C-alpha atoms as a PDB file:
ATOM      1  CA  MET A   1      -8.344 -25.027 -36.031  1.00  0.00           C
ATOM      2  CA  LYS A   2      -4.843 -24.546 -37.409  1.00  0.00           C
ATOM      3  CA  ILE A   3      -1.792 -26.237 -35.880  1.00  0.00           C
ATOM      4  CA  GLY A   4       1.648 -24.851 -36.579  1.00  0.00           C
ATOM      5  CA  VAL A   5       4.817 -26.905 -36.639  1.00  0.00           C
ATOM      6  CA  LEU A   6       8.088 -25.086 -36.040  1.00  0.00           C
ATOM      7  CA  ALA A   7       9.923 -25.590 -39.340  1.00  0.00           C
ATOM      8  CA  LEU A   8      13.355 -24.136 -38.633  1.00  0.00           C
ATOM      9  CA  GLN A   9      15.184 -27.465 -38.256  1.00  0.00           C
ATOM     10  CA  GLY A  10      14.414 -31.083 -37.431  1.00  0.00           C
ATOM     11  CA  ASP A  11      11.615 -33.460 -38.368  1.00  0.00           C
ATOM     12  CA  PHE A  12       8.814 -30.952 -38.865  1.00  0.00           C
ATOM     13  CA  TYR A  13       7.682 -32.568 -42.126  1.00  0.00           C
ATOM     14  CA  GLU A  14       6.789 -35.816 -40.331  1.00  0.00           C
ATOM     15  CA  HIS A  15       4.529 -33.959 -37.874  1.00  0.00           C
ATOM     16  CA  LEU A  16       2.849 -32.067 -40.714  1.00  0.00           C
ATOM     17  CA  SER A  17       2.196 -35.385 -42.448  1.00  0.00           C
ATOM     18  CA  CYS A  18       0.595 -36.888 -39.304  1.00  0.00           C
ATOM     19  CA  PHE A  19      -1.761 -33.929 -38.862  1.00  0.00           C
ATOM     20  CA  LYS A  20      -2.701 -33.996 -42.550  1.00  0.00           C
ATOM     21  CA  LYS A  21      -3.667 -37.686 -42.181  1.00  0.00           C
ATOM     22  CA  LEU A  22      -6.039 -36.493 -39.447  1.00  0.00           C
ATOM     23  CA  ASN A  23      -7.456 -33.770 -41.739  1.00  0.00           C
ATOM     24  CA  VAL A  24      -6.143 -30.934 -39.574  1.00  0.00           C
ATOM     25  CA  ASP A  25      -5.101 -27.658 -41.163  1.00  0.00           C
ATOM     26  CA  THR A  26      -1.353 -27.313 -40.558  1.00  0.00           C
ATOM     27  CA  PHE A  27       1.167 -24.594 -41.162  1.00  0.00           C
ATOM     28  CA  GLU A  28       4.973 -24.398 -41.242  1.00  0.00           C
ATOM     29  CA  VAL A  29       6.112 -21.817 -38.682  1.00  0.00           C
ATOM     30  CA  ARG A  30       9.273 -19.933 -39.627  1.00  0.00           C
ATOM     31  CA  SER A  31       8.586 -16.340 -38.594  1.00  0.00           C
ATOM     32  CA  LYS A  32       6.794 -14.250 -35.990  1.00  0.00           C
ATOM     33  CA  SER A  33       3.888 -13.533 -38.329  1.00  0.00           C
ATOM     34  CA  ASP A  34       3.361 -17.288 -38.845  1.00  0.00           C
ATOM     35  CA  ILE A  35       2.516 -17.764 -35.161  1.00  0.00           C
ATOM     36  CA  GLU A  36      -0.296 -15.212 -35.234  1.00  0.00           C
ATOM     37  CA  SER A  37      -2.531 -17.466 -37.343  1.00  0.00           C
ATOM     38  CA  ILE A  38      -2.234 -20.747 -35.388  1.00  0.00           C
ATOM     39  CA  ASN A  39      -4.098 -22.268 -32.429  1.00  0.00           C
ATOM     40  CA  GLY A  40      -1.390 -24.695 -31.298  1.00  0.00           C
ATOM     41  CA  LEU A  41       2.336 -25.227 -31.921  1.00  0.00           C
ATOM     42  CA  VAL A  42       4.565 -28.300 -32.187  1.00  0.00           C
ATOM     43  CA  ILE A  43       8.298 -27.926 -31.564  1.00  0.00           C
ATOM     44  CA  PRO A  44       9.732 -31.047 -33.231  1.00  0.00           C
ATOM     45  CA  GLY A  45      12.770 -33.169 -32.616  1.00  0.00           C
ATOM     46  CA  GLY A  46      16.053 -32.186 -34.183  1.00  0.00           C
ATOM     47  CA  GLU A  47      19.164 -30.719 -32.611  1.00  0.00           C
ATOM     48  CA  SER A  48      18.363 -28.614 -29.547  1.00  0.00           C
ATOM     49  CA  THR A  49      21.376 -26.286 -29.776  1.00  0.00           C
ATOM     50  CA  THR A  50      20.554 -25.465 -33.394  1.00  0.00           C
ATOM     51  CA  ILE A  51      16.844 -25.012 -32.643  1.00  0.00           C
ATOM     52  CA  SER A  52      17.730 -22.699 -29.742  1.00  0.00           C
ATOM     53  CA  LYS A  53      19.995 -20.528 -31.917  1.00  0.00           C
ATOM     54  CA  LEU A  54      17.374 -20.316 -34.659  1.00  0.00           C
ATOM     55  CA  LEU A  55      14.626 -19.417 -32.164  1.00  0.00           C
ATOM     56  CA  LYS A  56      16.797 -16.565 -30.869  1.00  0.00           C
ATOM     57  CA  SER A  57      17.837 -15.278 -34.307  1.00  0.00           C
ATOM     58  CA  THR A  58      14.208 -15.223 -35.521  1.00  0.00           C
ATOM     59  CA  LYS A  59      13.012 -13.820 -32.164  1.00  0.00           C
ATOM     60  CA  LEU A  60      10.457 -16.611 -32.001  1.00  0.00           C
ATOM     61  CA  ASP A  61      11.648 -17.588 -28.511  1.00  0.00           C
ATOM     62  CA  ALA A  62      10.007 -14.602 -26.789  1.00  0.00           C
ATOM     63  CA  LEU A  63       6.846 -14.869 -28.879  1.00  0.00           C
ATOM     64  CA  ILE A  64       6.431 -18.594 -28.130  1.00  0.00           C
ATOM     65  CA  THR A  65       6.889 -17.903 -24.424  1.00  0.00           C
ATOM     66  CA  ASP A  66       4.286 -15.128 -24.592  1.00  0.00           C
ATOM     67  CA  LYS A  67       1.782 -17.270 -26.527  1.00  0.00           C
ATOM     68  CA  SER A  68       2.281 -20.114 -24.041  1.00  0.00           C
ATOM     69  CA  SER A  69       1.570 -17.817 -21.082  1.00  0.00           C
ATOM     70  CA  LYS A  70      -1.684 -16.806 -22.788  1.00  0.00           C
ATOM     71  CA  GLY A  71      -2.755 -20.451 -23.048  1.00  0.00           C
ATOM     72  CA  MET A  72      -1.730 -21.540 -26.540  1.00  0.00           C
ATOM     73  CA  PRO A  73      -1.127 -25.326 -26.516  1.00  0.00           C
ATOM     74  CA  ILE A  74       2.473 -26.257 -27.246  1.00  0.00           C
ATOM     75  CA  TRP A  75       3.914 -29.753 -27.740  1.00  0.00           C
ATOM     76  CA  GLY A  76       7.630 -30.480 -27.695  1.00  0.00           C
ATOM     77  CA  THR A  77       9.008 -33.806 -28.936  1.00  0.00           C
ATOM     78  CA  CYS A  78      12.576 -34.963 -28.148  1.00  0.00           C
ATOM     79  CA  ALA A  79      14.686 -31.829 -28.822  1.00  0.00           C
ATOM     80  CA  GLY A  80      11.426 -29.877 -28.617  1.00  0.00           C
ATOM     81  CA  LEU A  81      10.959 -31.288 -25.107  1.00  0.00           C
ATOM     82  CA  ILE A  82      14.422 -29.984 -24.199  1.00  0.00           C
ATOM     83  CA  MET A  83      13.456 -26.560 -25.550  1.00  0.00           C
ATOM     84  CA  ILE A  84      10.187 -26.306 -23.563  1.00  0.00           C
ATOM     85  CA  SER A  85      11.756 -27.518 -20.296  1.00  0.00           C
ATOM     86  CA  LYS A  86      12.259 -25.187 -17.353  1.00  0.00           C
ATOM     87  CA  ASN A  87      15.746 -26.598 -16.758  1.00  0.00           C
ATOM     88  CA  ILE A  88      18.249 -28.903 -18.433  1.00  0.00           C
ATOM     89  CA  THR A  89      21.080 -30.574 -16.561  1.00  0.00           C
ATOM     90  CA  GLU A  90      23.724 -29.508 -19.087  1.00  0.00           C
ATOM     91  CA  GLY A  91      22.881 -25.804 -18.757  1.00  0.00           C
ATOM     92  CA  ASP A  92      23.082 -25.197 -22.517  1.00  0.00           C
ATOM     93  CA  PRO A  93      21.136 -24.444 -24.632  1.00  0.00           C
ATOM     94  CA  LYS A  94      18.920 -22.177 -22.593  1.00  0.00           C
ATOM     95  CA  PRO A  95      15.396 -23.655 -22.641  1.00  0.00           C
ATOM     96  CA  LEU A  96      12.185 -21.635 -22.949  1.00  0.00           C
ATOM     97  CA  GLY A  97      10.977 -22.592 -19.446  1.00  0.00           C
ATOM     98  CA  LEU A  98       7.394 -23.479 -20.445  1.00  0.00           C
ATOM     99  CA  LEU A  99       7.124 -26.850 -18.678  1.00  0.00           C
ATOM    100  CA  ASP A 100       8.153 -27.317 -15.022  1.00  0.00           C
ATOM    101  CA  ILE A 101      10.561 -30.202 -15.606  1.00  0.00           C
ATOM    102  CA  THR A 102      14.290 -30.814 -15.672  1.00  0.00           C
ATOM    103  CA  THR A 103      15.597 -32.823 -18.594  1.00  0.00           C
ATOM    104  CA  SER A 104      18.914 -34.432 -19.402  1.00  0.00           C
ATOM    105  CA  ARG A 105      19.939 -34.184 -23.075  1.00  0.00           C
ATOM    106  CA  ASN A 106      20.937 -37.395 -24.860  1.00  0.00           C
ATOM    107  CA  TYR A 107      20.209 -39.333 -21.663  1.00  0.00           C
ATOM    108  CA  TYR A 108      19.557 -42.529 -23.589  1.00  0.00           C
ATOM    109  CA  GLY A 109      22.835 -42.350 -25.512  1.00  0.00           C
ATOM    110  CA  ARG A 110      24.084 -41.520 -28.964  1.00  0.00           C
ATOM    111  CA  GLN A 111      22.403 -42.093 -32.324  1.00  0.00           C
ATOM    112  CA  ILE A 112      23.646 -45.680 -32.387  1.00  0.00           C
ATOM    113  CA  ASP A 113      21.872 -46.313 -29.062  1.00  0.00           C
ATOM    114  CA  SER A 114      18.426 -45.439 -30.478  1.00  0.00           C
ATOM    115  CA  PHE A 115      15.657 -47.893 -29.644  1.00  0.00           C
ATOM    116  CA  ILE A 116      11.934 -48.582 -29.771  1.00  0.00           C
ATOM    117  CA  GLU A 117       9.924 -49.405 -26.648  1.00  0.00           C
ATOM    118  CA  ASN A 118       6.251 -50.187 -26.176  1.00  0.00           C
ATOM    119  CA  ILE A 119       4.768 -47.799 -23.635  1.00  0.00           C
ATOM    120  CA  GLN A 120       1.315 -47.247 -22.239  1.00  0.00           C
ATOM    121  CA  PHE A 121       0.116 -43.754 -23.166  1.00  0.00           C
ATOM    122  CA  ASN A 122      -2.603 -42.048 -21.137  1.00  0.00           C
ATOM    123  CA  SER A 123      -3.949 -45.335 -19.724  1.00  0.00           C
ATOM    124  CA  ASP A 124      -4.744 -46.734 -23.200  1.00  0.00           C
ATOM    125  CA  GLU A 125      -4.831 -50.521 -23.167  1.00  0.00           C
ATOM    126  CA  LYS A 126      -3.044 -50.732 -26.514  1.00  0.00           C
ATOM    127  CA  PHE A 127       0.693 -50.076 -26.296  1.00  0.00           C
ATOM    128  CA  PHE A 128       2.265 -47.190 -28.203  1.00  0.00           C
ATOM    129  CA  GLU A 129       5.495 -47.919 -30.094  1.00  0.00           C
ATOM    130  CA  ALA A 130       7.780 -45.112 -28.876  1.00  0.00           C
ATOM    131  CA  VAL A 131      10.864 -44.304 -30.966  1.00  0.00           C
ATOM    132  CA  PHE A 132      13.785 -42.922 -28.903  1.00  0.00           C
ATOM    133  CA  ILE A 133      16.577 -41.269 -30.934  1.00  0.00           C
ATOM    134  CA  ARG A 134      19.305 -39.568 -28.880  1.00  0.00           C
ATOM    135  CA  ALA A 135      16.424 -38.941 -26.532  1.00  0.00           C
ATOM    136  CA  PRO A 136      16.331 -36.734 -23.454  1.00  0.00           C
ATOM    137  CA  ALA A 137      15.071 -38.009 -20.109  1.00  0.00           C
ATOM    138  CA  ILE A 138      12.753 -36.190 -17.770  1.00  0.00           C
ATOM    139  CA  ILE A 139      14.614 -36.425 -14.483  1.00  0.00           C
ATOM    140  CA  LYS A 140      12.604 -34.057 -12.300  1.00  0.00           C
ATOM    141  CA  LEU A 141       8.937 -33.078 -12.354  1.00  0.00           C
ATOM    142  CA  GLY A 142       7.333 -29.978 -10.925  1.00  0.00           C
ATOM    143  CA  ARG A 143       4.289 -30.404  -8.647  1.00  0.00           C
ATOM    144  CA  ASN A 144       1.706 -29.594 -11.290  1.00  0.00           C
ATOM    145  CA  VAL A 145       3.155 -31.777 -14.045  1.00  0.00           C
ATOM    146  CA  LYS A 146       1.129 -34.885 -14.849  1.00  0.00           C
ATOM    147  CA  THR A 147       2.901 -37.998 -16.142  1.00  0.00           C
ATOM    148  CA  ILE A 148       0.946 -39.602 -18.980  1.00  0.00           C
ATOM    149  CA  ALA A 149       3.498 -42.252 -20.033  1.00  0.00           C
ATOM    150  CA  ARG A 150       6.507 -43.970 -18.483  1.00  0.00           C
ATOM    151  CA  SER A 151       9.293 -46.115 -19.895  1.00  0.00           C
ATOM    152  CA  SER A 152       9.990 -49.640 -18.655  1.00  0.00           C
ATOM    153  CA  ASP A 153      12.433 -48.221 -16.066  1.00  0.00           C
ATOM    154  CA  ASN A 154       9.601 -45.989 -14.728  1.00  0.00           C
ATOM    155  CA  THR A 155      11.094 -42.772 -16.163  1.00  0.00           C
ATOM    156  CA  PRO A 156       8.431 -40.280 -17.335  1.00  0.00           C
ATOM    157  CA  VAL A 157       8.505 -40.064 -21.152  1.00  0.00           C
ATOM    158  CA  ALA A 158       5.297 -38.080 -21.772  1.00  0.00           C
ATOM    159  CA  VAL A 159       4.085 -35.299 -19.487  1.00  0.00           C
ATOM    160  CA  ARG A 160       1.560 -32.487 -19.464  1.00  0.00           C
ATOM    161  CA  GLN A 161       1.165 -29.273 -17.529  1.00  0.00           C
ATOM    162  CA  ASN A 162      -1.969 -27.328 -18.439  1.00  0.00           C
ATOM    163  CA  ASN A 163      -1.508 -26.279 -22.098  1.00  0.00           C
ATOM    164  CA  ILE A 164       1.978 -27.798 -22.501  1.00  0.00           C
ATOM    165  CA  LEU A 165       2.687 -31.367 -23.661  1.00  0.00           C
ATOM    166  CA  GLY A 166       6.114 -32.969 -23.812  1.00  0.00           C
ATOM    167  CA  THR A 167       7.349 -36.317 -25.126  1.00  0.00           C
ATOM    168  CA  SER A 168      10.904 -37.693 -24.942  1.00  0.00           C
ATOM    169  CA  PHE A 169      10.300 -39.818 -28.012  1.00  0.00           C
ATOM    170  CA  HIS A 170       9.178 -39.313 -31.631  1.00  0.00           C
ATOM    171  CA  PRO A 171       5.457 -40.144 -32.123  1.00  0.00           C
ATOM    172  CA  GLU A 172       5.641 -38.724 -35.642  1.00  0.00           C
ATOM    173  CA  LEU A 173       7.881 -41.603 -36.761  1.00  0.00           C
ATOM    174  CA  THR A 174       5.136 -44.207 -36.351  1.00  0.00           C
ATOM    175  CA  SER A 175       1.798 -44.784 -38.061  1.00  0.00           C
ATOM    176  CA  ASP A 176       0.033 -44.565 -34.671  1.00  0.00           C
ATOM    177  CA  LEU A 177      -1.644 -41.150 -34.542  1.00  0.00           C
ATOM    178  CA  ARG A 178      -3.037 -41.323 -30.983  1.00  0.00           C
ATOM    179  CA  ILE A 179      -0.661 -38.740 -29.520  1.00  0.00           C
ATOM    180  CA  HIS A 180      -1.296 -36.332 -32.395  1.00  0.00           C
ATOM    181  CA  LYS A 181      -5.033 -36.826 -31.733  1.00  0.00           C
ATOM    182  CA  TYR A 182      -4.388 -36.126 -28.023  1.00  0.00           C
ATOM    183  CA  PHE A 183      -2.725 -32.808 -28.940  1.00  0.00           C
ATOM    184  CA  ILE A 184      -5.574 -31.930 -31.312  1.00  0.00           C
ATOM    185  CA  GLU A 185      -8.004 -32.486 -28.410  1.00  0.00           C
ATOM    186  CA  MET A 186      -5.872 -30.188 -26.215  1.00  0.00           C
ATOM    187  CA  VAL A 187      -6.003 -27.470 -28.875  1.00  0.00           C
ATOM    188  CA  ASP A 188      -9.730 -27.968 -29.390  1.00  0.00           C
ATOM    189  CA  ILE A 189     -10.541 -27.790 -25.645  1.00  0.00           C
ATOM    190  CA  ILE A 190      -8.328 -24.768 -24.946  1.00  0.00           C
ATOM    191  CA  ASN A 191      -9.534 -22.840 -27.978  1.00  0.00           C
END
């Protein structure tokens, strides 16, 4: 198994570090040829407009969409969640449309409004410390989207639809590797 992390912009290094702690072969994805050798892809947090422009200029946007339609597991965190959404309320940047949700960019405020909240992930008894940094909110779910974590105000913050996983927060900024393990299991089951 080899998991790729989109390494065009954002906190890709932190995701790579988490997977390495779990002894998973990881790869920095920067070009179309990089995607051919991976079994799953993480689109990390960062700045969604910049990520969108870089995906278009490298032509990775169409390839990621194609790989997703063929079943490759994809996980978007924060800005990555914005990019995999079907719709965003602001209309720009244009998302990839992989996950049947509508998100609102920077819903939780500016950088100064960042916060940490304990959430329950996938019915685990132990809380997960979720780090929200200029985080998007999932404001509308499609019928086939399963909520696997909610914030204290009952807003979905982690969702899954078949081979696509999305989180509003940054699991890679904690020492808790449960969500990375969850994605590894997705990749393992689908492949």
